[in-house]
């Protein structure tokens, strides 16, 4: 018999997202590009998994974790109490400089604005 602890799931809602105010119109693109260089790294493979995205919705901007985007889409997101309250240790987060980004594979776990292609028979 295994002794597993099942962590309580959180009822997530969009009002839990972090809203940000942008000063200039092109700040959106700057923030979006910067977030592609922040995430969890696989140093062996030189691969970086983007953790957060900027979302523009109804005239407002939000910094969201990819799991929140899954929840917004109505998909299972596995949002637990520790996910909501914990901050990842800095030794797990990698911030690539702009000049180093071409040396790494930048992966996203969620793509805003893309839809899966449906196979036709």
PDB file of N, CA and C in Angstrom:
ATOM      1  N   UNK A   1       0.848  -1.181   0.000  1.00  0.00           N
ATOM      2  CA  UNK A   1       0.000   0.000   0.000  1.00  0.00           C
ATOM      3  C   UNK A   1       0.886   1.235   0.000  1.00  0.00           C
ATOM      4  N   UNK A   2       0.643   2.138  -0.944  1.00  0.00           N
ATOM      5  CA  UNK A   2       1.425   3.370  -0.997  1.00  0.00           C
ATOM      6  C   UNK A   2       0.710   4.455  -0.221  1.00  0.00           C
ATOM      7  N   UNK A   3       1.496   5.325   0.353  1.00  0.00           N
ATOM      8  CA  UNK A   3       0.954   6.414   1.143  1.00  0.00           C
ATOM      9  C   UNK A   3       1.134   7.714   0.368  1.00  0.00           C
ATOM     10  N   UNK A   4       0.201   8.027  -0.515  1.00  0.00           N
ATOM     11  CA  UNK A   4       0.283   9.235  -1.321  1.00  0.00           C
ATOM     12  C   UNK A   4      -0.580  10.326  -0.716  1.00  0.00           C
ATOM     13  N   UNK A   5      -0.059  11.542  -0.758  1.00  0.00           N
ATOM     14  CA  UNK A   5      -0.838  12.684  -0.330  1.00  0.00           C
ATOM     15  C   UNK A   5      -1.466  13.303  -1.570  1.00  0.00           C
ATOM     16  N   UNK A   6      -2.760  13.450  -1.552  1.00  0.00           N
ATOM     17  CA  UNK A   6      -3.449  14.080  -2.671  1.00  0.00           C
ATOM     18  C   UNK A   6      -3.661  15.540  -2.303  1.00  0.00           C
ATOM     19  N   UNK A   7      -3.086  16.392  -3.129  1.00  0.00           N
ATOM     20  CA  UNK A   7      -3.159  17.817  -2.865  1.00  0.00           C
ATOM     21  C   UNK A   7      -4.498  18.377  -3.330  1.00  0.00           C
ATOM     22  N   UNK A   8      -5.112  19.242  -2.513  1.00  0.00           N
ATOM     23  CA  UNK A   8      -6.402  19.820  -2.908  1.00  0.00           C
ATOM     24  C   UNK A   8      -6.282  20.669  -4.176  1.00  0.00           C
ATOM     25  N   UNK A   9      -7.270  20.543  -5.052  1.00  0.00           N
ATOM     26  CA  UNK A   9      -7.322  21.344  -6.268  1.00  0.00           C
ATOM     27  C   UNK A   9      -7.932  22.711  -5.937  1.00  0.00           C
ATOM     28  N   UNK A  10      -7.528  23.707  -6.699  1.00  0.00           N
ATOM     29  CA  UNK A  10      -8.010  25.060  -6.497  1.00  0.00           C
ATOM     30  C   UNK A  10      -9.058  25.365  -7.561  1.00  0.00           C
ATOM     31  N   UNK A  11     -10.121  26.024  -7.156  1.00  0.00           N
ATOM     32  CA  UNK A  11     -11.094  26.503  -8.125  1.00  0.00           C
ATOM     33  C   UNK A  11     -10.556  27.825  -8.645  1.00  0.00           C
ATOM     34  N   UNK A  12     -10.062  27.777  -9.862  1.00  0.00           N
ATOM     35  CA  UNK A  12      -9.400  28.930 -10.451  1.00  0.00           C
ATOM     36  C   UNK A  12     -10.417  29.766 -11.221  1.00  0.00           C
ATOM     37  N   UNK A  13     -10.219  31.083 -11.199  1.00  0.00           N
ATOM     38  CA  UNK A  13     -11.062  31.966 -12.005  1.00  0.00           C
ATOM     39  C   UNK A  13     -10.185  33.059 -12.611  1.00  0.00           C
ATOM     40  N   UNK A  14     -10.611  33.635 -13.735  1.00  0.00           N
ATOM     41  CA  UNK A  14      -9.792  34.643 -14.421  1.00  0.00           C
ATOM     42  C   UNK A  14      -9.425  35.856 -13.562  1.00  0.00           C
ATOM     43  N   UNK A  15     -10.229  36.167 -12.556  1.00  0.00           N
ATOM     44  CA  UNK A  15      -9.898  37.324 -11.723  1.00  0.00           C
ATOM     45  C   UNK A  15      -8.659  37.076 -10.845  1.00  0.00           C
ATOM     46  N   UNK A  16      -8.109  35.862 -10.884  1.00  0.00           N
ATOM     47  CA  UNK A  16      -6.890  35.556 -10.144  1.00  0.00           C
ATOM     48  C   UNK A  16      -5.634  35.888 -10.957  1.00  0.00           C
ATOM     49  N   UNK A  17      -5.806  36.270 -12.240  1.00  0.00           N
ATOM     50  CA  UNK A  17      -4.652  36.594 -13.082  1.00  0.00           C
ATOM     51  C   UNK A  17      -4.038  37.924 -12.645  1.00  0.00           C
ATOM     52  N   UNK A  18      -2.767  38.086 -12.939  1.00  0.00           N
ATOM     53  CA  UNK A  18      -2.033  39.298 -12.565  1.00  0.00           C
ATOM     54  C   UNK A  18      -2.133  40.299 -13.711  1.00  0.00           C
ATOM     55  N   UNK A  19      -2.820  41.417 -13.455  1.00  0.00           N
ATOM     56  CA  UNK A  19      -2.945  42.457 -14.479  1.00  0.00           C
ATOM     57  C   UNK A  19      -1.713  43.350 -14.458  1.00  0.00           C
ATOM     58  N   UNK A  20      -1.258  43.728 -15.643  1.00  0.00           N
ATOM     59  CA  UNK A  20      -0.123  44.659 -15.760  1.00  0.00           C
ATOM     60  C   UNK A  20      -0.558  45.844 -16.616  1.00  0.00           C
ATOM     61  N   UNK A  21       0.045  47.000 -16.334  1.00  0.00           N
ATOM     62  CA  UNK A  21      -0.221  48.216 -17.098  1.00  0.00           C
ATOM     63  C   UNK A  21       0.997  48.479 -17.972  1.00  0.00           C
ATOM     64  N   UNK A  22       0.765  48.642 -19.264  1.00  0.00           N
ATOM     65  CA  UNK A  22       1.856  48.925 -20.187  1.00  0.00           C
ATOM     66  C   UNK A  22       1.891  50.423 -20.472  1.00  0.00           C
ATOM     67  N   UNK A  23       3.110  50.985 -20.508  1.00  0.00           N
ATOM     68  CA  UNK A  23       3.252  52.427 -20.720  1.00  0.00           C
ATOM     69  C   UNK A  23       3.198  52.828 -22.182  1.00  0.00           C
ATOM     70  N   UNK A  24       3.754  52.014 -23.043  1.00  0.00           N
ATOM     71  CA  UNK A  24       3.845  52.323 -24.467  1.00  0.00           C
ATOM     72  C   UNK A  24       3.211  51.188 -25.264  1.00  0.00           C
ATOM     73  N   UNK A  25       2.667  51.485 -26.445  1.00  0.00           N
ATOM     74  CA  UNK A  25       2.041  50.425 -27.253  1.00  0.00           C
ATOM     75  C   UNK A  25       2.977  49.262 -27.589  1.00  0.00           C
ATOM     76  N   UNK A  26       4.266  49.535 -27.832  1.00  0.00           N
ATOM     77  CA  UNK A  26       5.171  48.432 -28.195  1.00  0.00           C
ATOM     78  C   UNK A  26       5.710  47.672 -26.985  1.00  0.00           C
ATOM     79  N   UNK A  27       5.299  48.058 -25.778  1.00  0.00           N
ATOM     80  CA  UNK A  27       5.710  47.317 -24.572  1.00  0.00           C
ATOM     81  C   UNK A  27       5.188  45.889 -24.598  1.00  0.00           C
ATOM     82  N   UNK A  28       4.027  45.677 -25.216  1.00  0.00           N
ATOM     83  CA  UNK A  28       3.464  44.330 -25.306  1.00  0.00           C
ATOM     84  C   UNK A  28       4.450  43.383 -25.986  1.00  0.00           C
ATOM     85  N   UNK A  29       4.996  43.818 -27.116  1.00  0.00           N
ATOM     86  CA  UNK A  29       5.942  42.975 -27.854  1.00  0.00           C
ATOM     87  C   UNK A  29       7.231  42.747 -27.067  1.00  0.00           C
ATOM     88  N   UNK A  30       7.675  43.766 -26.354  1.00  0.00           N
ATOM     89  CA  UNK A  30       8.892  43.627 -25.542  1.00  0.00           C
ATOM     90  C   UNK A  30       8.682  42.623 -24.417  1.00  0.00           C
ATOM     91  N   UNK A  31       7.541  42.722 -23.744  1.00  0.00           N
ATOM     92  CA  UNK A  31       7.242  41.800 -22.643  1.00  0.00           C
ATOM     93  C   UNK A  31       7.077  40.385 -23.192  1.00  0.00           C
ATOM     94  N   UNK A  32       6.365  40.256 -24.307  1.00  0.00           N
ATOM     95  CA  UNK A  32       6.155  38.921 -24.904  1.00  0.00           C
ATOM     96  C   UNK A  32       7.484  38.261 -25.245  1.00  0.00           C
ATOM     97  N   UNK A  33       8.398  39.011 -25.856  1.00  0.00           N
ATOM     98  CA  UNK A  33       9.699  38.452 -26.219  1.00  0.00           C
ATOM     99  C   UNK A  33      10.501  38.098 -24.973  1.00  0.00           C
ATOM    100  N   UNK A  34      10.487  38.966 -23.985  1.00  0.00           N
ATOM    101  CA  UNK A  34      11.234  38.720 -22.750  1.00  0.00           C
ATOM    102  C   UNK A  34      10.744  37.454 -22.061  1.00  0.00           C
ATOM    103  N   UNK A  35       9.432  37.249 -22.008  1.00  0.00           N
ATOM    104  CA  UNK A  35       8.873  36.060 -21.351  1.00  0.00           C
ATOM    105  C   UNK A  35       9.266  34.768 -22.059  1.00  0.00           C
ATOM    106  N   UNK A  36       9.598  34.826 -23.354  1.00  0.00           N
ATOM    107  CA  UNK A  36      10.045  33.613 -24.053  1.00  0.00           C
ATOM    108  C   UNK A  36      11.404  33.157 -23.534  1.00  0.00           C
ATOM    109  N   UNK A  37      12.123  34.053 -22.857  1.00  0.00           N
ATOM    110  CA  UNK A  37      13.466  33.744 -22.362  1.00  0.00           C
ATOM    111  C   UNK A  37      13.501  33.461 -20.867  1.00  0.00           C
ATOM    112  N   UNK A  38      12.338  33.274 -20.262  1.00  0.00           N
ATOM    113  CA  UNK A  38      12.247  32.994 -18.822  1.00  0.00           C
ATOM    114  C   UNK A  38      11.461  31.700 -18.638  1.00  0.00           C
ATOM    115  N   UNK A  39      12.049  30.748 -17.918  1.00  0.00           N
ATOM    116  CA  UNK A  39      11.328  29.503 -17.693  1.00  0.00           C
ATOM    117  C   UNK A  39      12.172  28.457 -17.015  1.00  0.00           C
ATOM    118  N   UNK A  40      11.737  27.225 -17.136  1.00  0.00           N
ATOM    119  CA  UNK A  40      12.427  26.090 -16.536  1.00  0.00           C
ATOM    120  C   UNK A  40      13.362  25.521 -17.598  1.00  0.00           C
ATOM    121  N   UNK A  41      14.625  25.325 -17.216  1.00  0.00           N
ATOM    122  CA  UNK A  41      15.649  24.927 -18.178  1.00  0.00           C
ATOM    123  C   UNK A  41      16.043  23.467 -18.041  1.00  0.00           C
ATOM    124  N   UNK A  42      16.321  22.872 -19.189  1.00  0.00           N
ATOM    125  CA  UNK A  42      16.995  21.586 -19.250  1.00  0.00           C
ATOM    126  C   UNK A  42      18.392  21.917 -19.757  1.00  0.00           C
ATOM    127  N   UNK A  43      19.326  22.007 -18.828  1.00  0.00           N
ATOM    128  CA  UNK A  43      20.672  22.453 -19.200  1.00  0.00           C
ATOM    129  C   UNK A  43      21.378  21.453 -20.118  1.00  0.00           C
ATOM    130  N   UNK A  44      21.094  20.155 -19.948  1.00  0.00           N
ATOM    131  CA  UNK A  44      21.703  19.135 -20.797  1.00  0.00           C
ATOM    132  C   UNK A  44      21.345  19.341 -22.261  1.00  0.00           C
ATOM    133  N   UNK A  45      20.055  19.600 -22.494  1.00  0.00           N
ATOM    134  CA  UNK A  45      19.565  19.766 -23.863  1.00  0.00           C
ATOM    135  C   UNK A  45      19.632  21.218 -24.338  1.00  0.00           C
ATOM    136  N   UNK A  46      19.968  22.129 -23.424  1.00  0.00           N
ATOM    137  CA  UNK A  46      19.931  23.569 -23.714  1.00  0.00           C
ATOM    138  C   UNK A  46      18.554  23.952 -24.251  1.00  0.00           C
ATOM    139  N   UNK A  47      17.543  23.522 -23.487  1.00  0.00           N
ATOM    140  CA  UNK A  47      16.150  23.781 -23.849  1.00  0.00           C
ATOM    141  C   UNK A  47      15.503  24.542 -22.696  1.00  0.00           C
ATOM    142  N   UNK A  48      14.745  25.588 -23.032  1.00  0.00           N
ATOM    143  CA  UNK A  48      14.058  26.390 -22.028  1.00  0.00           C
ATOM    144  C   UNK A  48      12.556  26.311 -22.271  1.00  0.00           C
ATOM    145  N   UNK A  49      11.817  25.908 -21.242  1.00  0.00           N
ATOM    146  CA  UNK A  49      10.364  25.792 -21.315  1.00  0.00           C
ATOM    147  C   UNK A  49       9.739  27.046 -20.725  1.00  0.00           C
ATOM    148  N   UNK A  50       9.143  27.856 -21.581  1.00  0.00           N
ATOM    149  CA  UNK A  50       8.529  29.110 -21.156  1.00  0.00           C
ATOM    150  C   UNK A  50       7.431  28.837 -20.140  1.00  0.00           C
ATOM    151  N   UNK A  51       7.456  29.573 -19.033  1.00  0.00           N
ATOM    152  CA  UNK A  51       6.475  29.358 -17.972  1.00  0.00           C
ATOM    153  C   UNK A  51       5.295  30.318 -18.047  1.00  0.00           C
ATOM    154  N   UNK A  52       5.557  31.578 -18.399  1.00  0.00           N
ATOM    155  CA  UNK A  52       4.517  32.597 -18.366  1.00  0.00           C
ATOM    156  C   UNK A  52       4.369  33.289 -19.712  1.00  0.00           C
ATOM    157  N   UNK A  53       3.192  33.836 -19.908  1.00  0.00           N
ATOM    158  CA  UNK A  53       2.845  34.527 -21.147  1.00  0.00           C
ATOM    159  C   UNK A  53       2.171  35.843 -20.806  1.00  0.00           C
ATOM    160  N   UNK A  54       2.125  36.750 -21.782  1.00  0.00           N
ATOM    161  CA  UNK A  54       1.329  37.961 -21.615  1.00  0.00           C
ATOM    162  C   UNK A  54       0.069  37.778 -22.450  1.00  0.00           C
ATOM    163  N   UNK A  55      -1.048  38.087 -21.853  1.00  0.00           N
ATOM    164  CA  UNK A  55      -2.345  37.909 -22.491  1.00  0.00           C
ATOM    165  C   UNK A  55      -3.020  39.268 -22.607  1.00  0.00           C
ATOM    166  N   UNK A  56      -3.515  39.595 -23.794  1.00  0.00           N
ATOM    167  CA  UNK A  56      -4.273  40.819 -24.016  1.00  0.00           C
ATOM    168  C   UNK A  56      -5.726  40.419 -24.179  1.00  0.00           C
ATOM    169  N   UNK A  57      -6.552  40.848 -23.241  1.00  0.00           N
ATOM    170  CA  UNK A  57      -7.958  40.442 -23.259  1.00  0.00           C
ATOM    171  C   UNK A  57      -8.822  41.624 -22.841  1.00  0.00           C
ATOM    172  N   UNK A  58      -9.737  42.007 -23.709  1.00  0.00           N
ATOM    173  CA  UNK A  58     -10.702  43.072 -23.429  1.00  0.00           C
ATOM    174  C   UNK A  58     -10.011  44.362 -22.979  1.00  0.00           C
ATOM    175  N   UNK A  59      -8.936  44.729 -23.686  1.00  0.00           N
ATOM    176  CA  UNK A  59      -8.250  45.993 -23.412  1.00  0.00           C
ATOM    177  C   UNK A  59      -7.322  45.968 -22.209  1.00  0.00           C
ATOM    178  N   UNK A  60      -7.180  44.811 -21.573  1.00  0.00           N
ATOM    179  CA  UNK A  60      -6.298  44.686 -20.405  1.00  0.00           C
ATOM    180  C   UNK A  60      -5.204  43.680 -20.716  1.00  0.00           C
ATOM    181  N   UNK A  61      -4.101  43.771 -19.966  1.00  0.00           N
ATOM    182  CA  UNK A  61      -2.964  42.871 -20.139  1.00  0.00           C
ATOM    183  C   UNK A  61      -2.729  42.105 -18.847  1.00  0.00           C
ATOM    184  N   UNK A  62      -2.408  40.819 -19.004  1.00  0.00           N
ATOM    185  CA  UNK A  62      -2.180  39.954 -17.848  1.00  0.00           C
ATOM    186  C   UNK A  62      -0.928  39.122 -18.069  1.00  0.00           C
ATOM    187  N   UNK A  63      -0.173  38.902 -17.004  1.00  0.00           N
ATOM    188  CA  UNK A  63       0.901  37.922 -17.020  1.00  0.00           C
ATOM    189  C   UNK A  63       0.284  36.648 -16.458  1.00  0.00           C
ATOM    190  N   UNK A  64       0.341  35.574 -17.245  1.00  0.00           N
ATOM    191  CA  UNK A  64      -0.306  34.331 -16.838  1.00  0.00           C
ATOM    192  C   UNK A  64       0.643  33.151 -16.976  1.00  0.00           C
ATOM    193  N   UNK A  65       0.496  32.212 -16.076  1.00  0.00           N
ATOM    194  CA  UNK A  65       1.219  30.947 -16.181  1.00  0.00           C
ATOM    195  C   UNK A  65       0.510  30.119 -17.243  1.00  0.00           C
ATOM    196  N   UNK A  66       1.256  29.261 -17.938  1.00  0.00           N
ATOM    197  CA  UNK A  66       0.626  28.477 -19.005  1.00  0.00           C
ATOM    198  C   UNK A  66      -0.528  27.623 -18.484  1.00  0.00           C
ATOM    199  N   UNK A  67      -0.489  27.196 -17.227  1.00  0.00           N
ATOM    200  CA  UNK A  67      -1.589  26.398 -16.681  1.00  0.00           C
ATOM    201  C   UNK A  67      -2.866  27.238 -16.566  1.00  0.00           C
ATOM    202  N   UNK A  68      -2.698  28.533 -16.293  1.00  0.00           N
ATOM    203  CA  UNK A  68      -3.873  29.409 -16.235  1.00  0.00           C
ATOM    204  C   UNK A  68      -4.516  29.533 -17.623  1.00  0.00           C
ATOM    205  N   UNK A  69      -3.695  29.539 -18.657  1.00  0.00           N
ATOM    206  CA  UNK A  69      -4.227  29.613 -20.018  1.00  0.00           C
ATOM    207  C   UNK A  69      -5.007  28.350 -20.365  1.00  0.00           C
ATOM    208  N   UNK A  70      -4.518  27.193 -19.912  1.00  0.00           N
ATOM    209  CA  UNK A  70      -5.275  25.957 -20.103  1.00  0.00           C
ATOM    210  C   UNK A  70      -6.631  26.065 -19.397  1.00  0.00           C
ATOM    211  N   UNK A  71      -6.622  26.586 -18.166  1.00  0.00           N
ATOM    212  CA  UNK A  71      -7.866  26.731 -17.416  1.00  0.00           C
ATOM    213  C   UNK A  71      -8.823  27.695 -18.130  1.00  0.00           C
ATOM    214  N   UNK A  72      -8.292  28.768 -18.698  1.00  0.00           N
ATOM    215  CA  UNK A  72      -9.123  29.713 -19.450  1.00  0.00           C
ATOM    216  C   UNK A  72      -9.796  29.042 -20.637  1.00  0.00           C
ATOM    217  N   UNK A  73      -9.099  28.094 -21.237  1.00  0.00           N
ATOM    218  CA  UNK A  73      -9.640  27.349 -22.378  1.00  0.00           C
ATOM    219  C   UNK A  73     -10.592  26.233 -21.953  1.00  0.00           C
ATOM    220  N   UNK A  74     -10.769  26.069 -20.644  1.00  0.00           N
ATOM    221  CA  UNK A  74     -11.659  25.017 -20.155  1.00  0.00           C
ATOM    222  C   UNK A  74     -11.011  23.650 -20.108  1.00  0.00           C
ATOM    223  N   UNK A  75      -9.693  23.603 -20.237  1.00  0.00           N
ATOM    224  CA  UNK A  75      -8.970  22.331 -20.194  1.00  0.00           C
ATOM    225  C   UNK A  75      -8.513  22.055 -18.766  1.00  0.00           C
ATOM    226  N   UNK A  76      -8.221  20.792 -18.467  1.00  0.00           N
ATOM    227  CA  UNK A  76      -7.703  20.431 -17.150  1.00  0.00           C
ATOM    228  C   UNK A  76      -6.327  21.065 -16.962  1.00  0.00           C
ATOM    229  N   UNK A  77      -6.136  21.769 -15.859  1.00  0.00           N
ATOM    230  CA  UNK A  77      -4.893  22.502 -15.662  1.00  0.00           C
ATOM    231  C   UNK A  77      -4.108  22.059 -14.434  1.00  0.00           C
ATOM    232  N   UNK A  78      -4.647  21.163 -13.611  1.00  0.00           N
ATOM    233  CA  UNK A  78      -3.954  20.677 -12.416  1.00  0.00           C
ATOM    234  C   UNK A  78      -3.442  21.827 -11.541  1.00  0.00           C
ATOM    235  N   UNK A  79      -4.334  22.735 -11.193  1.00  0.00           N
ATOM    236  CA  UNK A  79      -3.975  23.855 -10.321  1.00  0.00           C
ATOM    237  C   UNK A  79      -4.225  23.448  -8.878  1.00  0.00           C
ATOM    238  N   UNK A  80      -3.131  23.351  -8.125  1.00  0.00           N
ATOM    239  CA  UNK A  80      -3.224  22.928  -6.726  1.00  0.00           C
ATOM    240  C   UNK A  80      -2.940  24.111  -5.813  1.00  0.00           C
ATOM    241  N   UNK A  81      -3.225  23.933  -4.528  1.00  0.00           N
ATOM    242  CA  UNK A  81      -2.966  25.000  -3.564  1.00  0.00           C
ATOM    243  C   UNK A  81      -1.498  25.394  -3.558  1.00  0.00           C
ATOM    244  N   UNK A  82      -0.598  24.416  -3.635  1.00  0.00           N
ATOM    245  CA  UNK A  82       0.830  24.756  -3.598  1.00  0.00           C
ATOM    246  C   UNK A  82       1.241  25.480  -4.875  1.00  0.00           C
ATOM    247  N   UNK A  83       0.606  25.163  -6.003  1.00  0.00           N
ATOM    248  CA  UNK A  83       0.913  25.877  -7.248  1.00  0.00           C
ATOM    249  C   UNK A  83       0.547  27.349  -7.114  1.00  0.00           C
ATOM    250  N   UNK A  84      -0.612  27.626  -6.532  1.00  0.00           N
ATOM    251  CA  UNK A  84      -1.082  28.999  -6.394  1.00  0.00           C
ATOM    252  C   UNK A  84      -0.241  29.771  -5.379  1.00  0.00           C
ATOM    253  N   UNK A  85       0.154  29.129  -4.279  1.00  0.00           N
ATOM    254  CA  UNK A  85       0.823  29.857  -3.200  1.00  0.00           C
ATOM    255  C   UNK A  85       2.348  29.816  -3.263  1.00  0.00           C
ATOM    256  N   UNK A  86       2.906  28.808  -3.937  1.00  0.00           N
ATOM    257  CA  UNK A  86       4.364  28.681  -3.958  1.00  0.00           C
ATOM    258  C   UNK A  86       4.996  29.511  -5.063  1.00  0.00           C
ATOM    259  N   UNK A  87       6.185  29.918  -4.788  1.00  0.00           N
ATOM    260  CA  UNK A  87       7.005  30.561  -5.795  1.00  0.00           C
ATOM    261  C   UNK A  87       8.118  29.573  -6.102  1.00  0.00           C
ATOM    262  N   UNK A  88       8.362  29.334  -7.375  1.00  0.00           N
ATOM    263  CA  UNK A  88       9.398  28.380  -7.756  1.00  0.00           C
ATOM    264  C   UNK A  88      10.751  28.861  -7.255  1.00  0.00           C
ATOM    265  N   UNK A  89      11.563  27.959  -6.743  1.00  0.00           N
ATOM    266  CA  UNK A  89      12.906  28.352  -6.307  1.00  0.00           C
ATOM    267  C   UNK A  89      13.693  28.925  -7.489  1.00  0.00           C
ATOM    268  N   UNK A  90      14.451  29.951  -7.229  1.00  0.00           N
ATOM    269  CA  UNK A  90      15.204  30.602  -8.299  1.00  0.00           C
ATOM    270  C   UNK A  90      16.161  29.660  -9.009  1.00  0.00           C
ATOM    271  N   UNK A  91      16.628  28.610  -8.314  1.00  0.00           N
ATOM    272  CA  UNK A  91      17.541  27.683  -8.983  1.00  0.00           C
ATOM    273  C   UNK A  91      16.825  26.832 -10.033  1.00  0.00           C
ATOM    274  N   UNK A  92      15.491  26.884 -10.073  1.00  0.00           N
ATOM    275  CA  UNK A  92      14.735  26.167 -11.100  1.00  0.00           C
ATOM    276  C   UNK A  92      14.354  27.067 -12.276  1.00  0.00           C
ATOM    277  N   UNK A  93      14.497  28.358 -12.106  1.00  0.00           N
ATOM    278  CA  UNK A  93      14.120  29.319 -13.141  1.00  0.00           C
ATOM    279  C   UNK A  93      15.369  29.846 -13.824  1.00  0.00           C
ATOM    280  N   UNK A  94      15.337  29.851 -15.133  1.00  0.00           N
ATOM    281  CA  UNK A  94      16.459  30.355 -15.928  1.00  0.00           C
ATOM    282  C   UNK A  94      15.980  31.577 -16.691  1.00  0.00           C
ATOM    283  N   UNK A  95      16.790  32.631 -16.661  1.00  0.00           N
ATOM    284  CA  UNK A  95      16.528  33.829 -17.453  1.00  0.00           C
ATOM    285  C   UNK A  95      17.672  33.960 -18.446  1.00  0.00           C
ATOM    286  N   UNK A  96      17.346  33.779 -19.709  1.00  0.00           N
ATOM    287  CA  UNK A  96      18.374  33.886 -20.747  1.00  0.00           C
ATOM    288  C   UNK A  96      18.533  35.335 -21.164  1.00  0.00           C
ATOM    289  N   UNK A  97      19.762  35.730 -21.399  1.00  0.00           N
ATOM    290  CA  UNK A  97      19.974  37.064 -21.953  1.00  0.00           C
ATOM    291  C   UNK A  97      19.563  37.032 -23.420  1.00  0.00           C
ATOM    292  N   UNK A  98      19.255  38.187 -23.962  1.00  0.00           N
ATOM    293  CA  UNK A  98      18.843  38.270 -25.359  1.00  0.00           C
ATOM    294  C   UNK A  98      19.927  37.715 -26.280  1.00  0.00           C
ATOM    295  N   UNK A  99      21.188  38.019 -25.952  1.00  0.00           N
ATOM    296  CA  UNK A  99      22.290  37.575 -26.814  1.00  0.00           C
ATOM    297  C   UNK A  99      22.498  36.058 -26.762  1.00  0.00           C
ATOM    298  N   UNK A 100      22.049  35.390 -25.696  1.00  0.00           N
ATOM    299  CA  UNK A 100      22.219  33.937 -25.562  1.00  0.00           C
ATOM    300  C   UNK A 100      21.031  33.125 -26.088  1.00  0.00           C
ATOM    301  N   UNK A 101      19.935  33.783 -26.449  1.00  0.00           N
ATOM    302  CA  UNK A 101      18.714  33.036 -26.782  1.00  0.00           C
ATOM    303  C   UNK A 101      18.873  32.130 -27.997  1.00  0.00           C
ATOM    304  N   UNK A 102      19.736  32.494 -28.942  1.00  0.00           N
ATOM    305  CA  UNK A 102      19.918  31.653 -30.133  1.00  0.00           C
ATOM    306  C   UNK A 102      20.710  30.387 -29.839  1.00  0.00           C
ATOM    307  N   UNK A 103      21.335  30.305 -28.658  1.00  0.00           N
ATOM    308  CA  UNK A 103      22.077  29.105 -28.256  1.00  0.00           C
ATOM    309  C   UNK A 103      21.172  28.063 -27.598  1.00  0.00           C
ATOM    310  N   UNK A 104      19.912  28.416 -27.382  1.00  0.00           N
ATOM    311  CA  UNK A 104      18.970  27.550 -26.683  1.00  0.00           C
ATOM    312  C   UNK A 104      17.772  27.236 -27.574  1.00  0.00           C
ATOM    313  N   UNK A 105      17.093  26.143 -27.268  1.00  0.00           N
ATOM    314  CA  UNK A 105      15.813  25.817 -27.892  1.00  0.00           C
ATOM    315  C   UNK A 105      14.746  26.374 -26.960  1.00  0.00           C
ATOM    316  N   UNK A 106      13.930  27.288 -27.462  1.00  0.00           N
ATOM    317  CA  UNK A 106      12.875  27.899 -26.654  1.00  0.00           C
ATOM    318  C   UNK A 106      11.557  27.196 -26.946  1.00  0.00           C
ATOM    319  N   UNK A 107      10.999  26.553 -25.912  1.00  0.00           N
ATOM    320  CA  UNK A 107       9.766  25.767 -26.050  1.00  0.00           C
ATOM    321  C   UNK A 107       8.636  26.443 -25.290  1.00  0.00           C
ATOM    322  N   UNK A 108       7.447  26.409 -25.881  1.00  0.00           N
ATOM    323  CA  UNK A 108       6.266  26.884 -25.158  1.00  0.00           C
ATOM    324  C   UNK A 108       5.366  25.687 -24.885  1.00  0.00           C
ATOM    325  N   UNK A 109       4.663  25.739 -23.768  1.00  0.00           N
ATOM    326  CA  UNK A 109       3.719  24.671 -23.444  1.00  0.00           C
ATOM    327  C   UNK A 109       2.308  25.094 -23.840  1.00  0.00           C
ATOM    328  N   UNK A 110       2.175  26.348 -24.248  1.00  0.00           N
ATOM    329  CA  UNK A 110       0.882  26.884 -24.681  1.00  0.00           C
ATOM    330  C   UNK A 110       1.148  27.936 -25.742  1.00  0.00           C
ATOM    331  N   UNK A 111       0.377  27.913 -26.803  1.00  0.00           N
ATOM    332  CA  UNK A 111       0.520  28.930 -27.847  1.00  0.00           C
ATOM    333  C   UNK A 111      -0.769  29.736 -27.920  1.00  0.00           C
ATOM    334  N   UNK A 112      -0.671  31.008 -27.594  1.00  0.00           N
ATOM    335  CA  UNK A 112      -1.836  31.885 -27.618  1.00  0.00           C
ATOM    336  C   UNK A 112      -2.233  32.141 -29.074  1.00  0.00           C
ATOM    337  N   UNK A 113      -3.516  31.997 -29.338  1.00  0.00           N
ATOM    338  CA  UNK A 113      -4.045  32.338 -30.654  1.00  0.00           C
ATOM    339  C   UNK A 113      -3.913  31.265 -31.714  1.00  0.00           C
ATOM    340  N   UNK A 114      -3.433  30.076 -31.344  1.00  0.00           N
ATOM    341  CA  UNK A 114      -3.361  29.002 -32.343  1.00  0.00           C
ATOM    342  C   UNK A 114      -4.372  27.929 -31.990  1.00  0.00           C
ATOM    343  N   UNK A 115      -4.940  27.373 -33.003  1.00  0.00           N
ATOM    344  CA  UNK A 115      -5.916  26.301 -32.804  1.00  0.00           C
ATOM    345  C   UNK A 115      -5.370  25.041 -33.421  1.00  0.00           C
ATOM    346  N   UNK A 116      -5.717  23.907 -32.806  1.00  0.00           N
ATOM    347  CA  UNK A 116      -5.296  22.621 -33.353  1.00  0.00           C
ATOM    348  C   UNK A 116      -5.995  22.388 -34.675  1.00  0.00           C
ATOM    349  N   UNK A 117      -5.249  21.836 -35.606  1.00  0.00           N
ATOM    350  CA  UNK A 117      -5.822  21.497 -36.897  1.00  0.00           C
ATOM    351  C   UNK A 117      -6.644  20.223 -36.750  1.00  0.00           C
ATOM    352  N   UNK A 118      -7.802  20.215 -37.349  1.00  0.00           N
ATOM    353  CA  UNK A 118      -8.660  19.048 -37.318  1.00  0.00           C
ATOM    354  C   UNK A 118      -8.408  18.254 -38.585  1.00  0.00           C
ATOM    355  N   UNK A 119      -8.148  16.956 -38.403  1.00  0.00           N
ATOM    356  CA  UNK A 119      -7.911  16.084 -39.563  1.00  0.00           C
ATOM    357  C   UNK A 119      -9.216  15.854 -40.291  1.00  0.00           C
ATOM    358  N   UNK A 120      -9.127  15.963 -41.607  1.00  0.00           N
ATOM    359  CA  UNK A 120     -10.299  15.676 -42.426  1.00  0.00           C
ATOM    360  C   UNK A 120     -10.155  14.288 -43.024  1.00  0.00           C
ATOM    361  N   UNK A 121     -11.266  13.548 -43.080  1.00  0.00           N
ATOM    362  CA  UNK A 121     -11.237  12.192 -43.657  1.00  0.00           C
ATOM    363  C   UNK A 121     -11.299  12.224 -45.164  1.00  0.00           C
TER     364      UNK A 121
END
